[in-house]
Amino acid sequence: MNELERLLEKEKQIKAKIQAAKSRESEKQRKLETRRKILIGAMVLEGMKNSEEYESKIRQNLDKYLTKNKDRVLFGLPEIKEG
């Protein structure tokens, strides 16, 4: 194997390591984002249990935000008729 071939092989290995590191970082960020969503959701649900006014505001916002009927059903919102 000549020097060029060795360097090309080394480049290939480095690119694979870079891709693996990027994948690990991406997975780490996805997990952090999921944890943030869970914690915010728990806080909002707790607030909804403790305050009718807060619950009403959240439901109004959800009614505007949620467009998929399968999601709306989770919060007892009326289905959106398609068409």
PDB file of N, CA and C in Angstrom:
ATOM      1  N   MET A   1       0.860  -1.171   0.000  1.00  0.00           N
ATOM      2  CA  MET A   1       0.000   0.000   0.000  1.00  0.00           C
ATOM      3  C   MET A   1       0.908   1.237   0.000  1.00  0.00           C
ATOM      4  N   ASN A   2       0.697   2.115  -0.962  1.00  0.00           N
ATOM      5  CA  ASN A   2       1.535   3.311  -1.016  1.00  0.00           C
ATOM      6  C   ASN A   2       1.005   4.401  -0.087  1.00  0.00           C
ATOM      7  N   GLU A   3       1.727   5.489  -0.008  1.00  0.00           N
ATOM      8  CA  GLU A   3       1.377   6.560   0.933  1.00  0.00           C
ATOM      9  C   GLU A   3      -0.002   7.154   0.641  1.00  0.00           C
ATOM     10  N   LEU A   4      -0.324   7.356  -0.624  1.00  0.00           N
ATOM     11  CA  LEU A   4      -1.632   7.922  -0.985  1.00  0.00           C
ATOM     12  C   LEU A   4      -2.762   7.010  -0.522  1.00  0.00           C
ATOM     13  N   GLU A   5      -2.603   5.724  -0.722  1.00  0.00           N
ATOM     14  CA  GLU A   5      -3.627   4.770  -0.300  1.00  0.00           C
ATOM     15  C   GLU A   5      -3.797   4.784   1.224  1.00  0.00           C
ATOM     16  N   ARG A   6      -2.657   4.865   1.932  1.00  0.00           N
ATOM     17  CA  ARG A   6      -2.717   4.922   3.404  1.00  0.00           C
ATOM     18  C   ARG A   6      -3.438   6.187   3.866  1.00  0.00           C
ATOM     19  N   LEU A   7      -3.127   7.307   3.237  1.00  0.00           N
ATOM     20  CA  LEU A   7      -3.767   8.568   3.608  1.00  0.00           C
ATOM     21  C   LEU A   7      -5.268   8.547   3.303  1.00  0.00           C
ATOM     22  N   LEU A   8      -5.617   7.973   2.175  1.00  0.00           N
ATOM     23  CA  LEU A   8      -7.040   7.866   1.825  1.00  0.00           C
ATOM     24  C   LEU A   8      -7.786   6.973   2.799  1.00  0.00           C
ATOM     25  N   GLU A   9      -7.132   5.892   3.226  1.00  0.00           N
ATOM     26  CA  GLU A   9      -7.745   4.998   4.212  1.00  0.00           C
ATOM     27  C   GLU A   9      -7.900   5.715   5.551  1.00  0.00           C
ATOM     28  N   LYS A  10      -6.887   6.475   5.926  1.00  0.00           N
ATOM     29  CA  LYS A  10      -6.935   7.242   7.176  1.00  0.00           C
ATOM     30  C   LYS A  10      -8.062   8.281   7.099  1.00  0.00           C
ATOM     31  N   GLU A  11      -8.190   8.924   5.945  1.00  0.00           N
ATOM     32  CA  GLU A  11      -9.266   9.908   5.740  1.00  0.00           C
ATOM     33  C   GLU A  11     -10.630   9.249   5.905  1.00  0.00           C
ATOM     34  N   LYS A  12     -10.784   8.079   5.334  1.00  0.00           N
ATOM     35  CA  LYS A  12     -12.038   7.326   5.434  1.00  0.00           C
ATOM     36  C   LYS A  12     -12.370   7.012   6.894  1.00  0.00           C
ATOM     37  N   GLN A  13     -11.361   6.593   7.662  1.00  0.00           N
ATOM     38  CA  GLN A  13     -11.554   6.277   9.070  1.00  0.00           C
ATOM     39  C   GLN A  13     -11.930   7.527   9.876  1.00  0.00           C
ATOM     40  N   ILE A  14     -11.262   8.632   9.574  1.00  0.00           N
ATOM     41  CA  ILE A  14     -11.556   9.883  10.279  1.00  0.00           C
ATOM     42  C   ILE A  14     -12.975  10.348   9.974  1.00  0.00           C
ATOM     43  N   LYS A  15     -13.376  10.246   8.716  1.00  0.00           N
ATOM     44  CA  LYS A  15     -14.746  10.630   8.343  1.00  0.00           C
ATOM     45  C   LYS A  15     -15.772   9.763   9.068  1.00  0.00           C
ATOM     46  N   ALA A  16     -15.479   8.484   9.217  1.00  0.00           N
ATOM     47  CA  ALA A  16     -16.390   7.583   9.936  1.00  0.00           C
ATOM     48  C   ALA A  16     -16.476   7.979  11.406  1.00  0.00           C
ATOM     49  N   LYS A  17     -15.330   8.344  12.005  1.00  0.00           N
ATOM     50  CA  LYS A  17     -15.327   8.776  13.408  1.00  0.00           C
ATOM     51  C   LYS A  17     -16.106  10.082  13.577  1.00  0.00           C
ATOM     52  N   ILE A  18     -15.926  10.988  12.625  1.00  0.00           N
ATOM     53  CA  ILE A  18     -16.663  12.259  12.688  1.00  0.00           C
ATOM     54  C   ILE A  18     -18.158  12.006  12.597  1.00  0.00           C
ATOM     55  N   GLN A  19     -18.576  11.145  11.684  1.00  0.00           N
ATOM     56  CA  GLN A  19     -19.998  10.836  11.526  1.00  0.00           C
ATOM     57  C   GLN A  19     -20.563  10.191  12.790  1.00  0.00           C
ATOM     58  N   ALA A  20     -19.795   9.295  13.397  1.00  0.00           N
ATOM     59  CA  ALA A  20     -20.237   8.647  14.633  1.00  0.00           C
ATOM     60  C   ALA A  20     -20.384   9.674  15.756  1.00  0.00           C
ATOM     61  N   ALA A  21     -19.440  10.606  15.849  1.00  0.00           N
ATOM     62  CA  ALA A  21     -19.514  11.646  16.876  1.00  0.00           C
ATOM     63  C   ALA A  21     -20.709  12.557  16.649  1.00  0.00           C
ATOM     64  N   LYS A  22     -20.968  12.891  15.392  1.00  0.00           N
ATOM     65  CA  LYS A  22     -22.139  13.722  15.074  1.00  0.00           C
ATOM     66  C   LYS A  22     -23.431  13.001  15.451  1.00  0.00           C
ATOM     67  N   SER A  23     -23.484  11.716  15.178  1.00  0.00           N
ATOM     68  CA  SER A  23     -24.671  10.924  15.513  1.00  0.00           C
ATOM     69  C   SER A  23     -24.889  10.878  17.020  1.00  0.00           C
ATOM     70  N   ARG A  24     -23.806  10.686  17.773  1.00  0.00           N
ATOM     71  CA  ARG A  24     -23.919  10.658  19.235  1.00  0.00           C
ATOM     72  C   ARG A  24     -24.404  11.999  19.767  1.00  0.00           C
ATOM     73  N   GLU A  25     -23.867  13.094  19.229  1.00  0.00           N
ATOM     74  CA  GLU A  25     -24.269  14.429  19.671  1.00  0.00           C
ATOM     75  C   GLU A  25     -25.734  14.696  19.331  1.00  0.00           C
ATOM     76  N   SER A  26     -26.137  14.292  18.147  1.00  0.00           N
ATOM     77  CA  SER A  26     -27.525  14.470  17.723  1.00  0.00           C
ATOM     78  C   SER A  26     -28.471  13.698  18.634  1.00  0.00           C
ATOM     79  N   GLU A  27     -28.115  12.472  18.958  1.00  0.00           N
ATOM     80  CA  GLU A  27     -28.932  11.643  19.854  1.00  0.00           C
ATOM     81  C   GLU A  27     -29.005  12.277  21.244  1.00  0.00           C
ATOM     82  N   LYS A  28     -27.884  12.789  21.719  1.00  0.00           N
ATOM     83  CA  LYS A  28     -27.852  13.460  23.019  1.00  0.00           C
ATOM     84  C   LYS A  28     -28.789  14.667  23.024  1.00  0.00           C
ATOM     85  N   GLN A  29     -28.767  15.457  21.964  1.00  0.00           N
ATOM     86  CA  GLN A  29     -29.631  16.638  21.875  1.00  0.00           C
ATOM     87  C   GLN A  29     -31.112  16.241  21.802  1.00  0.00           C
ATOM     88  N   ARG A  30     -31.431  15.170  21.074  1.00  0.00           N
ATOM     89  CA  ARG A  30     -32.818  14.680  21.009  1.00  0.00           C
ATOM     90  C   ARG A  30     -33.303  14.262  22.388  1.00  0.00           C
ATOM     91  N   LYS A  31     -32.442  13.572  23.143  1.00  0.00           N
ATOM     92  CA  LYS A  31     -32.829  13.142  24.492  1.00  0.00           C
ATOM     93  C   LYS A  31     -33.055  14.331  25.414  1.00  0.00           C
ATOM     94  N   LEU A  32     -32.207  15.345  25.307  1.00  0.00           N
ATOM     95  CA  LEU A  32     -32.385  16.554  26.125  1.00  0.00           C
ATOM     96  C   LEU A  32     -33.685  17.271  25.758  1.00  0.00           C
ATOM     97  N   GLU A  33     -33.977  17.351  24.468  1.00  0.00           N
ATOM     98  CA  GLU A  33     -35.208  17.991  24.016  1.00  0.00           C
ATOM     99  C   GLU A  33     -36.431  17.233  24.537  1.00  0.00           C
ATOM    100  N   THR A  34     -36.382  15.913  24.485  1.00  0.00           N
ATOM    101  CA  THR A  34     -37.484  15.103  24.996  1.00  0.00           C
ATOM    102  C   THR A  34     -37.662  15.327  26.491  1.00  0.00           C
ATOM    103  N   ARG A  35     -36.571  15.391  27.227  1.00  0.00           N
ATOM    104  CA  ARG A  35     -36.648  15.625  28.676  1.00  0.00           C
ATOM    105  C   ARG A  35     -37.260  16.994  28.967  1.00  0.00           C
ATOM    106  N   ARG A  36     -36.854  18.016  28.193  1.00  0.00           N
ATOM    107  CA  ARG A  36     -37.438  19.354  28.382  1.00  0.00           C
ATOM    108  C   ARG A  36     -38.947  19.323  28.150  1.00  0.00           C
ATOM    109  N   LYS A  37     -39.360  18.644  27.099  1.00  0.00           N
ATOM    110  CA  LYS A  37     -40.789  18.564  26.788  1.00  0.00           C
ATOM    111  C   LYS A  37     -41.559  17.858  27.898  1.00  0.00           C
ATOM    112  N   ILE A  38     -40.996  16.788  28.414  1.00  0.00           N
ATOM    113  CA  ILE A  38     -41.655  16.054  29.501  1.00  0.00           C
ATOM    114  C   ILE A  38     -41.797  16.936  30.733  1.00  0.00           C
ATOM    115  N   LEU A  39     -40.722  17.634  31.089  1.00  0.00           N
ATOM    116  CA  LEU A  39     -40.766  18.482  32.283  1.00  0.00           C
ATOM    117  C   LEU A  39     -41.734  19.652  32.122  1.00  0.00           C
ATOM    118  N   ILE A  40     -41.739  20.278  30.959  1.00  0.00           N
ATOM    119  CA  ILE A  40     -42.677  21.373  30.718  1.00  0.00           C
ATOM    120  C   ILE A  40     -44.106  20.841  30.736  1.00  0.00           C
ATOM    121  N   GLY A  41     -44.310  19.688  30.108  1.00  0.00           N
ATOM    122  CA  GLY A  41     -45.646  19.090  30.103  1.00  0.00           C
ATOM    123  C   GLY A  41     -46.133  18.777  31.508  1.00  0.00           C
ATOM    124  N   ALA A  42     -45.254  18.238  32.331  1.00  0.00           N
ATOM    125  CA  ALA A  42     -45.627  17.921  33.712  1.00  0.00           C
ATOM    126  C   ALA A  42     -45.997  19.197  34.475  1.00  0.00           C
ATOM    127  N   MET A  43     -45.227  20.256  34.259  1.00  0.00           N
ATOM    128  CA  MET A  43     -45.500  21.525  34.923  1.00  0.00           C
ATOM    129  C   MET A  43     -46.864  22.088  34.490  1.00  0.00           C
ATOM    130  N   VAL A  44     -47.135  22.033  33.192  1.00  0.00           N
ATOM    131  CA  VAL A  44     -48.403  22.544  32.678  1.00  0.00           C
ATOM    132  C   VAL A  44     -49.572  21.720  33.203  1.00  0.00           C
ATOM    133  N   LEU A  45     -49.445  20.403  33.173  1.00  0.00           N
ATOM    134  CA  LEU A  45     -50.524  19.549  33.676  1.00  0.00           C
ATOM    135  C   LEU A  45     -50.793  19.803  35.154  1.00  0.00           C
ATOM    136  N   GLU A  46     -49.742  19.996  35.928  1.00  0.00           N
ATOM    137  CA  GLU A  46     -49.904  20.301  37.350  1.00  0.00           C
ATOM    138  C   GLU A  46     -50.623  21.638  37.521  1.00  0.00           C
ATOM    139  N   GLY A  47     -50.229  22.617  36.728  1.00  0.00           N
ATOM    140  CA  GLY A  47     -50.893  23.919  36.773  1.00  0.00           C
ATOM    141  C   GLY A  47     -52.362  23.825  36.408  1.00  0.00           C
ATOM    142  N   MET A  48     -52.677  22.976  35.447  1.00  0.00           N
ATOM    143  CA  MET A  48     -54.070  22.793  35.033  1.00  0.00           C
ATOM    144  C   MET A  48     -54.898  22.165  36.150  1.00  0.00           C
ATOM    145  N   LYS A  49     -54.270  21.287  36.933  1.00  0.00           N
ATOM    146  CA  LYS A  49     -54.984  20.668  38.058  1.00  0.00           C
ATOM    147  C   LYS A  49     -55.276  21.682  39.156  1.00  0.00           C
ATOM    148  N   ASN A  50     -54.399  22.659  39.301  1.00  0.00           N
ATOM    149  CA  ASN A  50     -54.488  23.589  40.424  1.00  0.00           C
ATOM    150  C   ASN A  50     -55.230  24.885  40.141  1.00  0.00           C
ATOM    151  N   SER A  51     -55.512  25.172  38.877  1.00  0.00           N
ATOM    152  CA  SER A  51     -56.142  26.447  38.551  1.00  0.00           C
ATOM    153  C   SER A  51     -57.076  26.303  37.355  1.00  0.00           C
ATOM    154  N   GLU A  52     -58.357  26.569  37.586  1.00  0.00           N
ATOM    155  CA  GLU A  52     -59.325  26.489  36.493  1.00  0.00           C
ATOM    156  C   GLU A  52     -59.034  27.545  35.432  1.00  0.00           C
ATOM    157  N   GLU A  53     -58.603  28.730  35.861  1.00  0.00           N
ATOM    158  CA  GLU A  53     -58.289  29.799  34.908  1.00  0.00           C
ATOM    159  C   GLU A  53     -57.111  29.395  34.013  1.00  0.00           C
ATOM    160  N   TYR A  54     -56.087  28.843  34.632  1.00  0.00           N
ATOM    161  CA  TYR A  54     -54.912  28.381  33.890  1.00  0.00           C
ATOM    162  C   TYR A  54     -55.315  27.266  32.918  1.00  0.00           C
ATOM    163  N   GLU A  55     -56.121  26.335  33.412  1.00  0.00           N
ATOM    164  CA  GLU A  55     -56.581  25.231  32.557  1.00  0.00           C
ATOM    165  C   GLU A  55     -57.338  25.761  31.356  1.00  0.00           C
ATOM    166  N   SER A  56     -58.200  26.737  31.572  1.00  0.00           N
ATOM    167  CA  SER A  56     -58.975  27.323  30.491  1.00  0.00           C
ATOM    168  C   SER A  56     -58.061  27.956  29.436  1.00  0.00           C
ATOM    169  N   LYS A  57     -57.055  28.678  29.886  1.00  0.00           N
ATOM    170  CA  LYS A  57     -56.117  29.318  28.951  1.00  0.00           C
ATOM    171  C   LYS A  57     -55.333  28.270  28.162  1.00  0.00           C
ATOM    172  N   ILE A  58     -54.894  27.235  28.838  1.00  0.00           N
ATOM    173  CA  ILE A  58     -54.138  26.170  28.158  1.00  0.00           C
ATOM    174  C   ILE A  58     -55.032  25.489  27.125  1.00  0.00           C
ATOM    175  N   ARG A  59     -56.271  25.191  27.501  1.00  0.00           N
ATOM    176  CA  ARG A  59     -57.192  24.531  26.559  1.00  0.00           C
ATOM    177  C   ARG A  59     -57.460  25.405  25.336  1.00  0.00           C
ATOM    178  N   GLN A  60     -57.595  26.709  25.552  1.00  0.00           N
ATOM    179  CA  GLN A  60     -57.786  27.632  24.423  1.00  0.00           C
ATOM    180  C   GLN A  60     -56.576  27.575  23.486  1.00  0.00           C
ATOM    181  N   ASN A  61     -55.398  27.598  24.072  1.00  0.00           N
ATOM    182  CA  ASN A  61     -54.181  27.532  23.258  1.00  0.00           C
ATOM    183  C   ASN A  61     -54.053  26.191  22.544  1.00  0.00           C
ATOM    184  N   LEU A  62     -54.375  25.118  23.236  1.00  0.00           N
ATOM    185  CA  LEU A  62     -54.328  23.795  22.609  1.00  0.00           C
ATOM    186  C   LEU A  62     -55.325  23.704  21.462  1.00  0.00           C
ATOM    187  N   ASP A  63     -56.492  24.295  21.651  1.00  0.00           N
ATOM    188  CA  ASP A  63     -57.519  24.260  20.611  1.00  0.00           C
ATOM    189  C   ASP A  63     -57.007  24.916  19.330  1.00  0.00           C
ATOM    190  N   LYS A  64     -56.216  25.954  19.473  1.00  0.00           N
ATOM    191  CA  LYS A  64     -55.643  26.628  18.302  1.00  0.00           C
ATOM    192  C   LYS A  64     -54.437  25.859  17.748  1.00  0.00           C
ATOM    193  N   TYR A  65     -53.657  25.267  18.625  1.00  0.00           N
ATOM    194  CA  TYR A  65     -52.387  24.654  18.250  1.00  0.00           C
ATOM    195  C   TYR A  65     -52.538  23.250  17.656  1.00  0.00           C
ATOM    196  N   LEU A  66     -53.405  22.448  18.242  1.00  0.00           N
ATOM    197  CA  LEU A  66     -53.524  21.043  17.825  1.00  0.00           C
ATOM    198  C   LEU A  66     -54.418  20.918  16.598  1.00  0.00           C
ATOM    199  N   THR A  67     -53.865  20.357  15.539  1.00  0.00           N
ATOM    200  CA  THR A  67     -54.616  20.219  14.294  1.00  0.00           C
ATOM    201  C   THR A  67     -54.937  18.765  13.951  1.00  0.00           C
ATOM    202  N   LYS A  68     -54.297  17.825  14.627  1.00  0.00           N
ATOM    203  CA  LYS A  68     -54.576  16.410  14.377  1.00  0.00           C
ATOM    204  C   LYS A  68     -55.602  15.921  15.389  1.00  0.00           C
ATOM    205  N   ASN A  69     -56.644  15.284  14.892  1.00  0.00           N
ATOM    206  CA  ASN A  69     -57.718  14.815  15.767  1.00  0.00           C
ATOM    207  C   ASN A  69     -57.226  13.819  16.817  1.00  0.00           C
ATOM    208  N   LYS A  70     -56.265  12.989  16.455  1.00  0.00           N
ATOM    209  CA  LYS A  70     -55.747  12.021  17.436  1.00  0.00           C
ATOM    210  C   LYS A  70     -55.065  12.745  18.601  1.00  0.00           C
ATOM    211  N   ASP A  71     -54.502  13.925  18.356  1.00  0.00           N
ATOM    212  CA  ASP A  71     -53.907  14.720  19.431  1.00  0.00           C
ATOM    213  C   ASP A  71     -54.975  15.458  20.230  1.00  0.00           C
ATOM    214  N   ARG A  72     -55.966  15.973  19.536  1.00  0.00           N
ATOM    215  CA  ARG A  72     -57.043  16.734  20.191  1.00  0.00           C
ATOM    216  C   ARG A  72     -57.814  15.859  21.174  1.00  0.00           C
ATOM    217  N   VAL A  73     -58.013  14.602  20.810  1.00  0.00           N
ATOM    218  CA  VAL A  73     -58.763  13.667  21.656  1.00  0.00           C
ATOM    219  C   VAL A  73     -58.075  13.484  23.022  1.00  0.00           C
ATOM    220  N   LEU A  74     -56.758  13.553  23.049  1.00  0.00           N
ATOM    221  CA  LEU A  74     -56.018  13.413  24.308  1.00  0.00           C
ATOM    222  C   LEU A  74     -56.402  14.472  25.333  1.00  0.00           C
ATOM    223  N   PHE A  75     -56.855  15.627  24.852  1.00  0.00           N
ATOM    224  CA  PHE A  75     -57.188  16.737  25.735  1.00  0.00           C
ATOM    225  C   PHE A  75     -58.689  17.026  25.775  1.00  0.00           C
ATOM    226  N   GLY A  76     -59.471  16.102  25.240  1.00  0.00           N
ATOM    227  CA  GLY A  76     -60.915  16.263  25.268  1.00  0.00           C
ATOM    228  C   GLY A  76     -61.410  17.401  24.402  1.00  0.00           C
ATOM    229  N   LEU A  77     -60.670  17.727  23.360  1.00  0.00           N
ATOM    230  CA  LEU A  77     -61.081  18.800  22.437  1.00  0.00           C
ATOM    231  C   LEU A  77     -61.917  18.209  21.308  1.00  0.00           C
ATOM    232  N   PRO A  78     -62.831  18.997  20.779  1.00  0.00           N
ATOM    233  CA  PRO A  78     -63.645  18.484  19.677  1.00  0.00           C
ATOM    234  C   PRO A  78     -62.803  18.228  18.432  1.00  0.00           C
ATOM    235  N   GLU A  79     -63.224  17.226  17.681  1.00  0.00           N
ATOM    236  CA  GLU A  79     -62.514  16.915  16.450  1.00  0.00           C
ATOM    237  C   GLU A  79     -62.719  18.014  15.428  1.00  0.00           C
ATOM    238  N   ILE A  80     -61.734  18.145  14.555  1.00  0.00           N
ATOM    239  CA  ILE A  80     -61.813  19.105  13.448  1.00  0.00           C
ATOM    240  C   ILE A  80     -62.329  18.320  12.245  1.00  0.00           C
ATOM    241  N   LYS A  81     -63.400  18.829  11.650  1.00  0.00           N
ATOM    242  CA  LYS A  81     -63.940  18.159  10.464  1.00  0.00           C
ATOM    243  C   LYS A  81     -63.098  18.543   9.271  1.00  0.00           C
ATOM    244  N   GLU A  82     -62.699  17.537   8.521  1.00  0.00           N
ATOM    245  CA  GLU A  82     -61.866  17.772   7.336  1.00  0.00           C
ATOM    246  C   GLU A  82     -62.748  18.032   6.121  1.00  0.00           C
ATOM    247  N   GLY A  83     -62.207  18.897   5.246  1.00  0.00           N
ATOM    248  CA  GLY A  83     -62.896  19.147   3.992  1.00  0.00           C
ATOM    249  C   GLY A  83     -63.728  20.324   4.099  1.00  0.00           C
TER     250      GLY A  83
END
